[in-house]
Structures are given as structure tokens and as C-alpha cells.
Amino acid sequence: MAEVVFTSAARDQAAELPRAVMGRVGRLLERLKQWPVVSGAKPLTGKLAGRFRLRTGDYRVQFRVEGKTVIVEKIGHRDRFYGDQ
């Protein structure tokens, strides 16, 4: 069982999500506690190598894994998700 922690930026982004989306993202975060047995996690490439993403509808959760800790780095809409990396 993994510990899921947030960066301060991810915590702020989560606070700004619509309530219905936050419910779906919350379910993704619960799934992350079962790392590495998480279906749908996609490894990212390029500058984001070493990180993963999960999606729910049009929203994405970006995270990295350090030992038994899953660090959620970013939560957002797909339109603005990858552009500032």
C-alpha cells in the first residue's frame, strides 16, 4: 500500500476543481494507494519521463513514485495540462 501525498501546487489545483470532477479525481487518488497495481496509469515521455498520468474524462492527474510514496504533482484539464511543462 502506497502513501499518496500532494505538492502544494497540486493541492491548490484540486481546490479549484468543480465538485463533480473532484469526486472523480478523489476516486483516482484512492486507486493510487494500491500502486503499483493501478490500471490506466500511463508513463510520460520526454521532459516528463519518470512521471505518470491517470485520466478521468477531460481531467488528468500527474504523479511520480518514490519508493512507497506516490507524489501527485499536478491536477488539471487536458487543454492546459501539458503546455507549461
Protein backbone atom coordinates (compact mmCIF):
# COMPACT_ATOMS: atom_id res chain seq x y z
CA MET A 1 0.00 0.00 0.00
CA ALA A 2 1.43 3.36 -1.03
CA GLU A 3 1.16 6.72 0.68
CA VAL A 4 -0.29 9.45 -1.56
CA VAL A 5 0.98 12.99 -0.96
CA PHE A 6 0.38 16.25 -2.82
CA THR A 7 2.69 19.06 -3.84
CA SER A 8 1.38 22.46 -2.77
CA ALA A 9 0.58 23.26 -6.43
CA ALA A 10 -1.49 20.07 -6.82
CA ARG A 11 -3.36 20.82 -3.59
CA ASP A 12 -4.24 24.30 -4.90
CA GLN A 13 -5.31 22.89 -8.28
CA ALA A 14 -7.53 20.29 -6.58
CA ALA A 15 -9.23 23.02 -4.54
CA GLU A 16 -10.24 24.81 -7.75
CA LEU A 17 -11.85 21.77 -9.43
CA PRO A 18 -15.62 21.61 -9.90
CA ARG A 19 -17.26 19.42 -7.23
CA ALA A 20 -18.28 16.64 -9.65
CA VAL A 21 -14.77 16.44 -11.09
CA MET A 22 -13.21 16.40 -7.62
CA GLY A 23 -15.29 13.32 -6.81
CA ARG A 24 -13.89 11.51 -9.84
CA VAL A 25 -10.35 12.67 -9.10
CA GLY A 26 -10.78 11.51 -5.50
CA ARG A 27 -11.55 8.01 -6.74
CA LEU A 28 -8.34 8.10 -8.83
CA LEU A 29 -6.37 9.12 -5.77
CA GLU A 30 -7.84 6.21 -3.80
CA ARG A 31 -6.70 3.88 -6.59
CA LEU A 32 -3.18 5.30 -6.35
CA LYS A 33 -2.91 3.91 -2.81
CA GLN A 34 -2.72 0.49 -4.47
CA TRP A 35 0.40 1.40 -6.50
CA PRO A 36 1.85 -0.39 -8.48
CA VAL A 37 -1.39 -2.32 -9.15
CA VAL A 38 -3.14 0.65 -10.80
CA SER A 39 -4.80 0.20 -14.17
CA GLY A 40 -4.75 3.04 -16.66
CA ALA A 41 -1.56 4.73 -15.44
CA LYS A 42 0.40 5.89 -18.47
CA PRO A 43 4.12 6.63 -18.27
CA LEU A 44 5.00 10.03 -19.68
CA THR A 45 7.91 10.69 -22.05
CA GLY A 46 10.30 13.49 -22.97
CA LYS A 47 10.77 16.15 -20.29
CA LEU A 48 8.19 14.33 -18.17
CA ALA A 49 9.95 10.95 -18.24
CA GLY A 50 9.73 9.22 -14.87
CA ARG A 51 6.24 10.55 -14.27
CA PHE A 52 2.84 9.02 -14.92
CA ARG A 53 -0.67 10.24 -15.58
CA LEU A 54 -4.16 8.99 -14.91
CA ARG A 55 -7.20 10.41 -16.63
CA THR A 56 -10.84 10.79 -15.78
CA GLY A 57 -12.87 12.34 -18.57
CA ASP A 58 -11.12 15.55 -19.65
CA TYR A 59 -9.06 15.82 -16.45
CA ARG A 60 -5.59 14.46 -15.72
CA VAL A 61 -3.57 13.66 -12.60
CA GLN A 62 0.22 13.70 -12.99
CA PHE A 63 2.34 11.91 -10.42
CA ARG A 64 5.72 10.34 -9.74
CA VAL A 65 6.66 7.45 -7.49
CA GLU A 66 9.47 7.48 -4.93
CA GLY A 67 9.68 4.18 -3.10
CA LYS A 68 6.30 3.58 -1.47
CA THR A 69 5.22 7.20 -1.86
CA VAL A 70 3.12 8.48 -4.76
CA ILE A 71 3.61 12.23 -5.19
CA VAL A 72 0.77 13.99 -7.00
CA GLU A 73 2.33 16.93 -8.84
CA LYS A 74 -0.44 18.31 -10.99
CA ILE A 75 -4.22 18.07 -11.48
CA GLY A 76 -5.98 19.79 -14.35
CA HIS A 77 -8.00 19.91 -17.54
CA ARG A 78 -6.35 18.28 -20.55
CA ASP A 79 -6.42 21.53 -22.60
CA ARG A 80 -3.96 23.19 -20.24
CA PHE A 81 -2.28 20.17 -18.73
CA TYR A 82 0.91 19.59 -20.70
CA GLY A 83 1.63 23.05 -22.17
CA ASP A 84 3.60 24.59 -19.28
CA GLN A 85 5.98 21.68 -18.69
